[in-house]
Amino acid sequence: MERSSINALHGQITVGTLILQDCAVGLLFALLPILGGTSGLLQGVMSMTKSYCSDKLGLSLELGSFAAGVMISTTDLAQHTLEQVEPIRNFFAALFLASIGMLIHVHFLWNHIDILLAAVILVIIIKTIVVAGVVKGFGYSNKTSLLVGMSLAQIGEFAFVLLSRASNIHLVEGKLYLLLLGTTALSLVCNPF
């Protein structure tokens, strides 16, 4: 939005892809107990089915909030509403990022800076290639595909939530958890560049 790219073709594709990625988080949350061995396959399938049905029936708070935002964006009051909500949105974003910052162990990451930098570089390169390839596969130009790929080269903020959940069920622990937190954080910091 700051660069006025939101209405450009690559901006629209980027926003659509971000929404799709965020929706996939619900599926990943349902799969985590199965992967962690704390839930059987039947319970996992029931959890995914329940998640799918609640979204379809409009029972999800997140989905309802998103739908409300989409509906408001089509009205004449969209810009005014966004201006009114922006300070609250910024406050919660700052609170979220501060809480994530408290999880980061700087000393540990500094001692493993080689692994951390290698992981971030791999994430940026692989995600750019994969996203650009998918966008190109849908028939968009090389330039648009590359712009979208570069825009989405970081690990999303929901990774922090998924990592926390995975840690709680002992799917990811110790050094790997700290490295994944660091990789996610550093990839987000590098994204604007």
C-alpha atoms as a PDB file:
ATOM      1  CA  MET A   1       0.000   0.000   0.000  1.00  0.00           C
ATOM      2  CA  GLU A   2       2.864   2.388   0.816  1.00  0.00           C
ATOM      3  CA  ARG A   3       4.228   2.018  -2.716  1.00  0.00           C
ATOM      4  CA  SER A   4       0.771   2.239  -4.334  1.00  0.00           C
ATOM      5  CA  SER A   5       1.320  -1.236  -5.791  1.00  0.00           C
ATOM      6  CA  ILE A   6      -1.823  -2.746  -4.289  1.00  0.00           C
ATOM      7  CA  ASN A   7      -3.862  -2.019  -7.426  1.00  0.00           C
ATOM      8  CA  ALA A   8      -1.124  -3.158  -9.819  1.00  0.00           C
ATOM      9  CA  LEU A   9      -1.391  -6.673 -11.226  1.00  0.00           C
ATOM     10  CA  HIS A  10       1.510  -8.002  -9.151  1.00  0.00           C
ATOM     11  CA  GLY A  11      -0.008  -6.362  -6.042  1.00  0.00           C
ATOM     12  CA  GLN A  12      -3.363  -8.062  -6.585  1.00  0.00           C
ATOM     13  CA  ILE A  13      -1.707 -11.446  -7.146  1.00  0.00           C
ATOM     14  CA  THR A  14       0.442 -10.939  -4.047  1.00  0.00           C
ATOM     15  CA  VAL A  15      -2.578 -10.121  -1.868  1.00  0.00           C
ATOM     16  CA  GLY A  16      -4.474 -13.132  -3.230  1.00  0.00           C
ATOM     17  CA  THR A  17      -1.529 -15.408  -2.553  1.00  0.00           C
ATOM     18  CA  LEU A  18      -1.145 -14.039   0.975  1.00  0.00           C
ATOM     19  CA  ILE A  19      -4.814 -14.760   1.650  1.00  0.00           C
ATOM     20  CA  LEU A  20      -4.408 -18.300   0.315  1.00  0.00           C
ATOM     21  CA  GLN A  21      -1.331 -18.838   2.512  1.00  0.00           C
ATOM     22  CA  ASP A  22      -3.202 -17.570   5.572  1.00  0.00           C
ATOM     23  CA  CYS A  23      -6.122 -19.902   4.852  1.00  0.00           C
ATOM     24  CA  ALA A  24      -3.699 -22.816   4.625  1.00  0.00           C
ATOM     25  CA  VAL A  25      -2.667 -22.131   8.225  1.00  0.00           C
ATOM     26  CA  GLY A  26      -6.018 -23.523   9.417  1.00  0.00           C
ATOM     27  CA  LEU A  27      -5.281 -26.796   7.653  1.00  0.00           C
ATOM     28  CA  LEU A  28      -1.785 -26.902   9.134  1.00  0.00           C
ATOM     29  CA  PHE A  29      -3.179 -26.342  12.633  1.00  0.00           C
ATOM     30  CA  ALA A  30      -5.457 -29.337  12.127  1.00  0.00           C
ATOM     31  CA  LEU A  31      -2.543 -31.466  10.884  1.00  0.00           C
ATOM     32  CA  LEU A  32      -0.100 -30.614  13.692  1.00  0.00           C
ATOM     33  CA  PRO A  33      -1.581 -33.029  16.258  1.00  0.00           C
ATOM     34  CA  ILE A  34      -1.343 -35.874  13.734  1.00  0.00           C
ATOM     35  CA  LEU A  35       2.266 -35.002  12.901  1.00  0.00           C
ATOM     36  CA  GLY A  36       3.099 -34.717  16.587  1.00  0.00           C
ATOM     37  CA  GLY A  37       1.589 -38.097  17.380  1.00  0.00           C
ATOM     38  CA  THR A  38      -0.816 -36.592  19.928  1.00  0.00           C
ATOM     39  CA  SER A  39      -3.858 -37.355  17.809  1.00  0.00           C
ATOM     40  CA  GLY A  40      -4.945 -40.251  15.689  1.00  0.00           C
ATOM     41  CA  LEU A  41      -5.699 -39.995  12.006  1.00  0.00           C
ATOM     42  CA  LEU A  42      -9.457 -40.136  12.651  1.00  0.00           C
ATOM     43  CA  GLN A  43      -9.266 -37.282  15.165  1.00  0.00           C
ATOM     44  CA  GLY A  44      -7.141 -35.270  12.726  1.00  0.00           C
ATOM     45  CA  VAL A  45      -9.610 -35.797   9.897  1.00  0.00           C
ATOM     46  CA  MET A  46     -12.457 -34.818  12.228  1.00  0.00           C
ATOM     47  CA  SER A  47     -10.541 -31.678  13.242  1.00  0.00           C
ATOM     48  CA  MET A  48      -9.937 -30.705   9.601  1.00  0.00           C
ATOM     49  CA  THR A  49     -13.587 -31.431   8.756  1.00  0.00           C
ATOM     50  CA  LYS A  50     -14.774 -29.325  11.696  1.00  0.00           C
ATOM     51  CA  SER A  51     -12.452 -26.495  10.647  1.00  0.00           C
ATOM     52  CA  TYR A  52     -13.710 -26.695   7.054  1.00  0.00           C
ATOM     53  CA  CYS A  53     -17.375 -26.766   8.101  1.00  0.00           C
ATOM     54  CA  SER A  54     -17.038 -23.851  10.516  1.00  0.00           C
ATOM     55  CA  ASP A  55     -15.453 -21.793   7.767  1.00  0.00           C
ATOM     56  CA  LYS A  56     -18.188 -22.795   5.291  1.00  0.00           C
ATOM     57  CA  LEU A  57     -20.917 -21.959   7.788  1.00  0.00           C
ATOM     58  CA  GLY A  58     -19.367 -18.624   8.647  1.00  0.00           C
ATOM     59  CA  LEU A  59     -18.657 -19.619  12.256  1.00  0.00           C
ATOM     60  CA  SER A  60     -14.992 -18.709  12.193  1.00  0.00           C
ATOM     61  CA  LEU A  61     -14.140 -15.372  13.791  1.00  0.00           C
ATOM     62  CA  GLU A  62     -11.211 -14.925  11.443  1.00  0.00           C
ATOM     63  CA  LEU A  63     -13.288 -15.664   8.360  1.00  0.00           C
ATOM     64  CA  GLY A  64     -16.078 -13.400   9.568  1.00  0.00           C
ATOM     65  CA  SER A  65     -13.620 -10.586  10.226  1.00  0.00           C
ATOM     66  CA  PHE A  66     -12.074 -11.030   6.815  1.00  0.00           C
ATOM     67  CA  ALA A  67     -15.506 -11.050   5.134  1.00  0.00           C
ATOM     68  CA  ALA A  68     -16.460  -7.883   7.023  1.00  0.00           C
ATOM     69  CA  GLY A  69     -13.280  -6.210   5.797  1.00  0.00           C
ATOM     70  CA  VAL A  70     -14.012  -7.211   2.216  1.00  0.00           C
ATOM     71  CA  MET A  71     -17.584  -5.905   2.501  1.00  0.00           C
ATOM     72  CA  ILE A  72     -16.416  -2.598   3.985  1.00  0.00           C
ATOM     73  CA  SER A  73     -13.794  -2.206   1.246  1.00  0.00           C
ATOM     74  CA  THR A  74     -16.580  -2.042  -1.349  1.00  0.00           C
ATOM     75  CA  THR A  75     -18.365   0.880   0.314  1.00  0.00           C
ATOM     76  CA  ASP A  76     -17.832   4.618   0.045  1.00  0.00           C
ATOM     77  CA  LEU A  77     -16.645   4.614   3.663  1.00  0.00           C
ATOM     78  CA  ALA A  78     -13.750   2.211   3.025  1.00  0.00           C
ATOM     79  CA  GLN A  79     -10.963   4.804   3.175  1.00  0.00           C
ATOM     80  CA  HIS A  80     -12.438   6.537   6.226  1.00  0.00           C
ATOM     81  CA  THR A  81     -12.878   3.222   8.046  1.00  0.00           C
ATOM     82  CA  LEU A  82      -9.317   2.180   7.238  1.00  0.00           C
ATOM     83  CA  GLU A  83      -8.010   5.472   8.620  1.00  0.00           C
ATOM     84  CA  GLN A  84      -9.987   4.909  11.843  1.00  0.00           C
ATOM     85  CA  VAL A  85      -8.844   1.297  12.288  1.00  0.00           C
ATOM     86  CA  GLU A  86      -5.200   1.811  11.320  1.00  0.00           C
ATOM     87  CA  PRO A  87      -3.940   2.966  14.765  1.00  0.00           C
ATOM     88  CA  ILE A  88      -5.535  -0.074  16.421  1.00  0.00           C
ATOM     89  CA  ARG A  89      -4.123  -2.370  13.750  1.00  0.00           C
ATOM     90  CA  ASN A  90      -0.665  -0.869  14.231  1.00  0.00           C
ATOM     91  CA  PHE A  91      -0.915  -1.292  18.004  1.00  0.00           C
ATOM     92  CA  PHE A  92      -1.787  -4.982  17.755  1.00  0.00           C
ATOM     93  CA  ALA A  93       0.925  -5.544  15.134  1.00  0.00           C
ATOM     94  CA  ALA A  94       3.472  -3.905  17.448  1.00  0.00           C
ATOM     95  CA  LEU A  95       2.246  -5.979  20.401  1.00  0.00           C
ATOM     96  CA  PHE A  96       2.438  -9.181  18.347  1.00  0.00           C
ATOM     97  CA  LEU A  97       5.950  -8.434  17.109  1.00  0.00           C
ATOM     98  CA  ALA A  98       7.134  -7.435  20.595  1.00  0.00           C
ATOM     99  CA  SER A  99       5.894 -10.759  21.979  1.00  0.00           C
ATOM    100  CA  ILE A 100       7.725 -12.587  19.174  1.00  0.00           C
ATOM    101  CA  GLY A 101      10.860 -10.573  19.896  1.00  0.00           C
ATOM    102  CA  MET A 102      10.785 -11.829  23.472  1.00  0.00           C
ATOM    103  CA  LEU A 103      11.021 -15.418  22.164  1.00  0.00           C
ATOM    104  CA  ILE A 104      14.197 -14.737  20.181  1.00  0.00           C
ATOM    105  CA  HIS A 105      17.432 -15.827  21.870  1.00  0.00           C
ATOM    106  CA  VAL A 106      19.967 -13.444  20.339  1.00  0.00           C
ATOM    107  CA  HIS A 107      23.007 -15.107  21.940  1.00  0.00           C
ATOM    108  CA  PHE A 108      22.008 -18.533  20.608  1.00  0.00           C
ATOM    109  CA  LEU A 109      21.344 -17.146  17.128  1.00  0.00           C
ATOM    110  CA  TRP A 110      24.640 -15.267  17.112  1.00  0.00           C
ATOM    111  CA  ASN A 111      26.465 -18.493  17.964  1.00  0.00           C
ATOM    112  CA  HIS A 112      24.700 -20.184  15.029  1.00  0.00           C
ATOM    113  CA  ILE A 113      24.816 -17.250  12.604  1.00  0.00           C
ATOM    114  CA  ASP A 114      26.170 -19.424   9.781  1.00  0.00           C
ATOM    115  CA  ILE A 115      23.185 -21.791   9.927  1.00  0.00           C
ATOM    116  CA  LEU A 116      20.766 -18.893  10.390  1.00  0.00           C
ATOM    117  CA  LEU A 117      22.037 -16.949   7.367  1.00  0.00           C
ATOM    118  CA  ALA A 118      22.136 -20.078   5.210  1.00  0.00           C
ATOM    119  CA  ALA A 119      18.538 -20.900   6.182  1.00  0.00           C
ATOM    120  CA  VAL A 120      17.324 -17.366   5.407  1.00  0.00           C
ATOM    121  CA  ILE A 121      19.101 -17.307   2.048  1.00  0.00           C
ATOM    122  CA  LEU A 122      17.629 -20.710   1.167  1.00  0.00           C
ATOM    123  CA  VAL A 123      14.128 -19.578   2.175  1.00  0.00           C
ATOM    124  CA  ILE A 124      14.381 -16.413   0.083  1.00  0.00           C
ATOM    125  CA  ILE A 125      15.761 -18.182  -2.991  1.00  0.00           C
ATOM    126  CA  ILE A 126      13.515 -21.251  -2.863  1.00  0.00           C
ATOM    127  CA  LYS A 127      10.330 -19.355  -2.042  1.00  0.00           C
ATOM    128  CA  THR A 128      10.994 -16.769  -4.763  1.00  0.00           C
ATOM    129  CA  ILE A 129      11.565 -19.532  -7.345  1.00  0.00           C
ATOM    130  CA  VAL A 130       8.530 -21.580  -6.266  1.00  0.00           C
ATOM    131  CA  VAL A 131       6.112 -18.636  -6.087  1.00  0.00           C
ATOM    132  CA  ALA A 132       7.384 -17.120  -9.353  1.00  0.00           C
ATOM    133  CA  GLY A 133       7.059 -20.542 -11.019  1.00  0.00           C
ATOM    134  CA  VAL A 134       3.483 -20.999  -9.828  1.00  0.00           C
ATOM    135  CA  VAL A 135       2.492 -17.486 -10.942  1.00  0.00           C
ATOM    136  CA  LYS A 136       4.207 -18.057 -14.304  1.00  0.00           C
ATOM    137  CA  GLY A 137       2.331 -21.372 -14.559  1.00  0.00           C
ATOM    138  CA  PHE A 138      -0.917 -19.405 -14.426  1.00  0.00           C
ATOM    139  CA  GLY A 139       0.166 -17.521 -17.551  1.00  0.00           C
ATOM    140  CA  TYR A 140       1.480 -14.265 -16.133  1.00  0.00           C
ATOM    141  CA  SER A 141       4.549 -12.521 -17.529  1.00  0.00           C
ATOM    142  CA  ASN A 142       8.064 -13.140 -16.282  1.00  0.00           C
ATOM    143  CA  LYS A 143       8.172  -9.647 -14.742  1.00  0.00           C
ATOM    144  CA  THR A 144       4.890 -10.098 -12.839  1.00  0.00           C
ATOM    145  CA  SER A 145       5.904 -13.581 -11.721  1.00  0.00           C
ATOM    146  CA  LEU A 146       9.256 -12.357 -10.425  1.00  0.00           C
ATOM    147  CA  LEU A 147       7.720  -9.347  -8.645  1.00  0.00           C
ATOM    148  CA  VAL A 148       5.208 -11.584  -6.857  1.00  0.00           C
ATOM    149  CA  GLY A 149       7.912 -14.147  -6.038  1.00  0.00           C
ATOM    150  CA  MET A 150      10.159 -11.467  -4.556  1.00  0.00           C
ATOM    151  CA  SER A 151       7.262  -9.920  -2.619  1.00  0.00           C
ATOM    152  CA  LEU A 152       6.521 -13.254  -0.947  1.00  0.00           C
ATOM    153  CA  ALA A 153      10.095 -14.416  -0.323  1.00  0.00           C
ATOM    154  CA  GLN A 154       9.754 -14.318   3.452  1.00  0.00           C
ATOM    155  CA  ILE A 155       8.197 -16.737   5.905  1.00  0.00           C
ATOM    156  CA  GLY A 156       4.825 -15.317   7.004  1.00  0.00           C
ATOM    157  CA  GLU A 157       3.947 -14.130  10.494  1.00  0.00           C
ATOM    158  CA  PHE A 158       1.638 -17.090  11.046  1.00  0.00           C
ATOM    159  CA  ALA A 159       4.771 -19.251  11.165  1.00  0.00           C
ATOM    160  CA  PHE A 160       5.349 -17.914  14.681  1.00  0.00           C
ATOM    161  CA  VAL A 161       1.933 -19.177  15.735  1.00  0.00           C
ATOM    162  CA  LEU A 162       2.486 -22.541  14.033  1.00  0.00           C
ATOM    163  CA  LEU A 163       5.918 -22.882  15.636  1.00  0.00           C
ATOM    164  CA  SER A 164       4.456 -22.142  19.049  1.00  0.00           C
ATOM    165  CA  ARG A 165       1.787 -24.800  18.566  1.00  0.00           C
ATOM    166  CA  ALA A 166       4.328 -27.299  17.220  1.00  0.00           C
ATOM    167  CA  SER A 167       6.539 -26.627  20.236  1.00  0.00           C
ATOM    168  CA  ASN A 168       3.627 -27.137  22.625  1.00  0.00           C
ATOM    169  CA  ILE A 169       2.999 -30.634  21.257  1.00  0.00           C
ATOM    170  CA  HIS A 170       6.753 -31.374  21.192  1.00  0.00           C
ATOM    171  CA  LEU A 171       6.930 -31.637  17.410  1.00  0.00           C
ATOM    172  CA  VAL A 172       9.699 -29.014  17.262  1.00  0.00           C
ATOM    173  CA  GLU A 173      11.944 -28.428  20.242  1.00  0.00           C
ATOM    174  CA  GLY A 174      15.191 -26.947  21.456  1.00  0.00           C
ATOM    175  CA  LYS A 175      17.739 -25.676  18.969  1.00  0.00           C
ATOM    176  CA  LEU A 176      15.574 -26.354  15.926  1.00  0.00           C
ATOM    177  CA  TYR A 177      12.729 -24.287  17.428  1.00  0.00           C
ATOM    178  CA  LEU A 178      15.081 -21.377  18.139  1.00  0.00           C
ATOM    179  CA  LEU A 179      16.622 -21.567  14.660  1.00  0.00           C
ATOM    180  CA  LEU A 180      13.190 -21.652  12.991  1.00  0.00           C
ATOM    181  CA  LEU A 181      12.088 -18.631  15.043  1.00  0.00           C
ATOM    182  CA  GLY A 182      15.254 -16.789  14.041  1.00  0.00           C
ATOM    183  CA  THR A 183      14.922 -17.766  10.391  1.00  0.00           C
ATOM    184  CA  THR A 184      11.328 -16.568  10.298  1.00  0.00           C
ATOM    185  CA  ALA A 185      12.166 -13.279  12.020  1.00  0.00           C
ATOM    186  CA  LEU A 186      15.204 -12.559   9.860  1.00  0.00           C
ATOM    187  CA  SER A 187      13.347 -13.416   6.652  1.00  0.00           C
ATOM    188  CA  LEU A 188      10.659 -10.888   7.619  1.00  0.00           C
ATOM    189  CA  VAL A 189      13.295  -8.251   8.352  1.00  0.00           C
ATOM    190  CA  CYS A 190      15.017  -8.885   4.995  1.00  0.00           C
ATOM    191  CA  ASN A 191      11.814  -8.790   2.937  1.00  0.00           C
ATOM    192  CA  PRO A 192      11.590  -5.013   2.417  1.00  0.00           C
ATOM    193  CA  PHE A 193      15.039  -5.042   0.824  1.00  0.00           C
END
